[in-house]
N, C-alpha and C. Protein backbone atom coordinates (compact mmCIF):
# COMPACT_ATOMS: atom_id res chain seq x y z
N UNK A 1 -7.82 12.75 -136.08
CA UNK A 1 -7.29 11.86 -135.30
C UNK A 1 -5.97 12.24 -134.73
N UNK A 2 -5.79 11.58 -133.44
CA UNK A 2 -4.36 11.78 -132.91
C UNK A 2 -3.74 10.54 -132.52
N UNK A 3 -2.48 10.35 -132.85
CA UNK A 3 -1.68 9.18 -132.47
C UNK A 3 -0.64 9.65 -131.71
N UNK A 4 -0.30 9.02 -130.49
CA UNK A 4 0.88 9.41 -129.75
C UNK A 4 2.09 8.69 -130.27
N UNK A 5 3.30 9.31 -130.31
CA UNK A 5 4.46 8.58 -130.56
C UNK A 5 5.50 9.18 -129.70
N UNK A 6 5.61 8.42 -128.47
CA UNK A 6 6.57 8.74 -127.19
C UNK A 6 7.79 8.55 -127.48
N UNK A 7 8.27 8.11 -128.79
CA UNK A 7 9.85 8.31 -129.06
C UNK A 7 10.23 9.56 -129.75
N UNK A 8 9.33 10.28 -129.87
CA UNK A 8 9.67 11.62 -130.52
C UNK A 8 10.33 12.38 -129.40
N UNK A 9 11.72 12.85 -129.57
CA UNK A 9 12.55 13.40 -128.52
C UNK A 9 13.03 14.68 -128.70
N UNK A 10 13.13 15.12 -130.08
CA UNK A 10 13.64 16.47 -130.55
C UNK A 10 12.87 16.77 -132.02
N UNK A 11 13.57 18.07 -132.41
CA UNK A 11 12.76 18.63 -133.49
C UNK A 11 13.43 17.95 -134.64
N UNK A 12 14.45 17.01 -134.73
CA UNK A 12 14.92 16.17 -135.60
C UNK A 12 14.03 15.10 -136.05
N UNK A 13 13.33 14.60 -135.01
CA UNK A 13 12.32 13.59 -135.00
C UNK A 13 11.26 14.04 -135.78
N UNK A 14 10.82 15.21 -135.24
CA UNK A 14 9.52 15.83 -135.94
C UNK A 14 9.76 15.89 -137.37
N UNK A 15 10.79 16.75 -137.90
CA UNK A 15 11.11 16.82 -139.13
C UNK A 15 11.12 15.67 -139.94
N UNK A 16 11.79 14.32 -139.29
CA UNK A 16 11.86 13.09 -139.97
C UNK A 16 10.65 12.52 -140.33
N UNK A 17 9.75 12.52 -139.28
CA UNK A 17 8.42 11.93 -139.52
C UNK A 17 7.54 12.81 -140.59
N UNK A 18 7.71 14.16 -140.17
CA UNK A 18 6.64 15.06 -141.24
C UNK A 18 7.22 14.87 -142.46
N UNK A 19 8.41 14.79 -142.90
CA UNK A 19 8.92 14.43 -144.33
C UNK A 19 8.42 13.20 -144.88
N UNK A 20 8.41 12.33 -144.11
CA UNK A 20 8.14 10.93 -144.56
C UNK A 20 6.41 10.82 -144.79
N UNK A 21 5.68 11.45 -144.04
CA UNK A 21 4.28 11.72 -144.22
C UNK A 21 4.07 12.48 -145.54
N UNK A 22 4.74 13.39 -145.61
CA UNK A 22 4.41 14.34 -146.93
C UNK A 22 4.99 13.38 -148.18
N UNK A 23 6.02 12.95 -148.05
CA UNK A 23 6.39 11.97 -149.16
C UNK A 23 5.18 11.03 -149.65
N UNK A 24 4.51 10.42 -148.62
CA UNK A 24 3.50 9.66 -148.74
C UNK A 24 2.08 10.09 -149.26
N UNK A 25 2.09 11.58 -149.45
CA UNK A 25 0.85 12.17 -149.58
C UNK A 25 0.06 12.45 -148.29
N UNK A 26 0.48 12.08 -147.26
CA UNK A 26 -0.48 12.34 -146.21
C UNK A 26 -0.27 13.70 -145.40
N UNK A 27 -1.44 14.18 -145.15
CA UNK A 27 -1.32 15.60 -144.48
C UNK A 27 -1.63 15.50 -142.92
N UNK A 28 -0.60 15.68 -142.39
CA UNK A 28 -0.46 15.28 -140.88
C UNK A 28 0.48 16.52 -140.05
N UNK A 29 -0.02 16.59 -138.75
CA UNK A 29 0.99 17.56 -138.09
C UNK A 29 1.83 16.87 -136.95
N UNK A 30 3.04 17.17 -137.06
CA UNK A 30 3.70 16.33 -136.16
C UNK A 30 3.98 17.35 -134.98
N UNK A 31 3.71 16.92 -133.68
CA UNK A 31 4.16 17.94 -132.47
C UNK A 31 5.16 17.51 -131.53
N UNK A 32 6.11 18.13 -131.24
CA UNK A 32 7.13 17.73 -130.03
C UNK A 32 6.58 17.96 -128.73
N UNK A 33 5.69 19.08 -128.52
CA UNK A 33 5.31 19.29 -127.17
C UNK A 33 4.21 18.18 -126.65
N UNK A 34 3.68 17.59 -127.41
CA UNK A 34 2.68 16.48 -126.75
C UNK A 34 2.96 15.04 -127.36
N UNK A 35 4.29 15.31 -128.22
CA UNK A 35 4.56 13.80 -128.94
C UNK A 35 3.64 13.13 -129.53
N UNK A 36 2.88 13.86 -130.55
CA UNK A 36 1.66 13.36 -131.13
C UNK A 36 1.78 13.66 -132.88
N UNK A 37 1.04 12.89 -133.64
CA UNK A 37 0.61 13.09 -134.95
C UNK A 37 -0.96 13.24 -135.05
N UNK A 38 -1.04 14.38 -135.54
CA UNK A 38 -2.75 14.93 -135.69
C UNK A 38 -2.79 14.77 -137.30
N UNK A 39 -4.11 14.31 -137.54
CA UNK A 39 -4.45 14.00 -138.99
C UNK A 39 -6.19 14.17 -139.05
N UNK A 40 -6.74 14.69 -140.10
CA UNK A 40 -8.12 14.66 -140.27
C UNK A 40 -8.75 13.55 -140.76
N UNK A 41 -8.26 12.89 -141.48
CA UNK A 41 -8.85 11.80 -142.42
C UNK A 41 -8.77 10.23 -141.85
N UNK A 42 -9.76 9.78 -141.03
CA UNK A 42 -9.74 8.62 -140.34
C UNK A 42 -9.15 7.30 -141.23
N UNK A 43 -9.60 7.24 -142.60
CA UNK A 43 -9.24 6.36 -143.56
C UNK A 43 -7.59 6.35 -143.73
N UNK A 44 -7.00 7.37 -143.39
CA UNK A 44 -5.40 7.49 -143.57
C UNK A 44 -4.69 6.80 -142.40
N UNK A 45 -5.45 6.29 -141.38
CA UNK A 45 -4.68 5.81 -140.07
C UNK A 45 -3.87 4.81 -140.44
N UNK A 46 -4.21 3.69 -141.00
CA UNK A 46 -3.21 2.60 -141.32
C UNK A 46 -1.91 3.17 -142.15
N UNK A 47 -2.27 3.99 -142.99
CA UNK A 47 -0.92 4.58 -143.77
C UNK A 47 -0.06 5.37 -142.92
N UNK A 48 -0.81 6.28 -142.09
CA UNK A 48 -0.04 7.07 -141.16
C UNK A 48 0.79 6.09 -140.20
N UNK A 49 0.19 5.22 -139.48
CA UNK A 49 1.00 4.34 -138.56
C UNK A 49 1.91 3.53 -139.40
N UNK A 50 1.85 3.16 -140.34
CA UNK A 50 2.86 2.44 -141.17
C UNK A 50 3.91 3.16 -141.57
N UNK A 51 3.54 4.40 -142.10
CA UNK A 51 4.63 5.38 -142.33
C UNK A 51 5.59 5.65 -141.00
N UNK A 52 5.10 5.89 -139.97
CA UNK A 52 5.69 6.36 -138.77
C UNK A 52 6.47 5.02 -138.30
N UNK A 53 5.91 3.78 -138.47
CA UNK A 53 6.97 2.63 -137.85
C UNK A 53 8.06 2.36 -139.21
N UNK A 54 7.89 2.81 -140.65
CA UNK A 54 9.00 2.82 -141.41
C UNK A 54 9.98 3.75 -141.27
N UNK A 55 9.61 4.85 -140.35
CA UNK A 55 10.60 5.89 -140.30
C UNK A 55 11.45 5.40 -139.01
N UNK A 56 10.97 4.47 -138.37
CA UNK A 56 11.78 4.20 -137.27
C UNK A 56 11.29 4.38 -135.74
N UNK A 57 10.09 4.85 -135.91
CA UNK A 57 9.35 5.21 -134.54
C UNK A 57 8.11 4.27 -134.00
N UNK A 58 7.73 4.56 -132.93
CA UNK A 58 6.70 3.48 -132.29
C UNK A 58 5.36 4.30 -132.06
N UNK A 59 4.30 4.40 -133.07
CA UNK A 59 3.00 5.01 -132.87
C UNK A 59 2.01 4.14 -131.96
N UNK A 60 1.51 4.81 -131.04
CA UNK A 60 0.44 4.23 -130.17
C UNK A 60 -0.85 4.58 -130.41
N UNK A 61 -1.60 3.90 -131.03
CA UNK A 61 -3.16 4.28 -131.56
C UNK A 61 -4.00 4.05 -130.46
């Protein structure tokens, strides 16, 4: 699954989101190039979206 996070603007944003996802035990890849978060397990969607919001970003599902 892929979520767009249009307010990712730099590598600091990428690292901040990536660290938050890892802390929640979520395996996801954050990409600056297309401002996305990609993960395999569809059942993690709600947790991934909530974690991104808690980090201060706006996920677009």
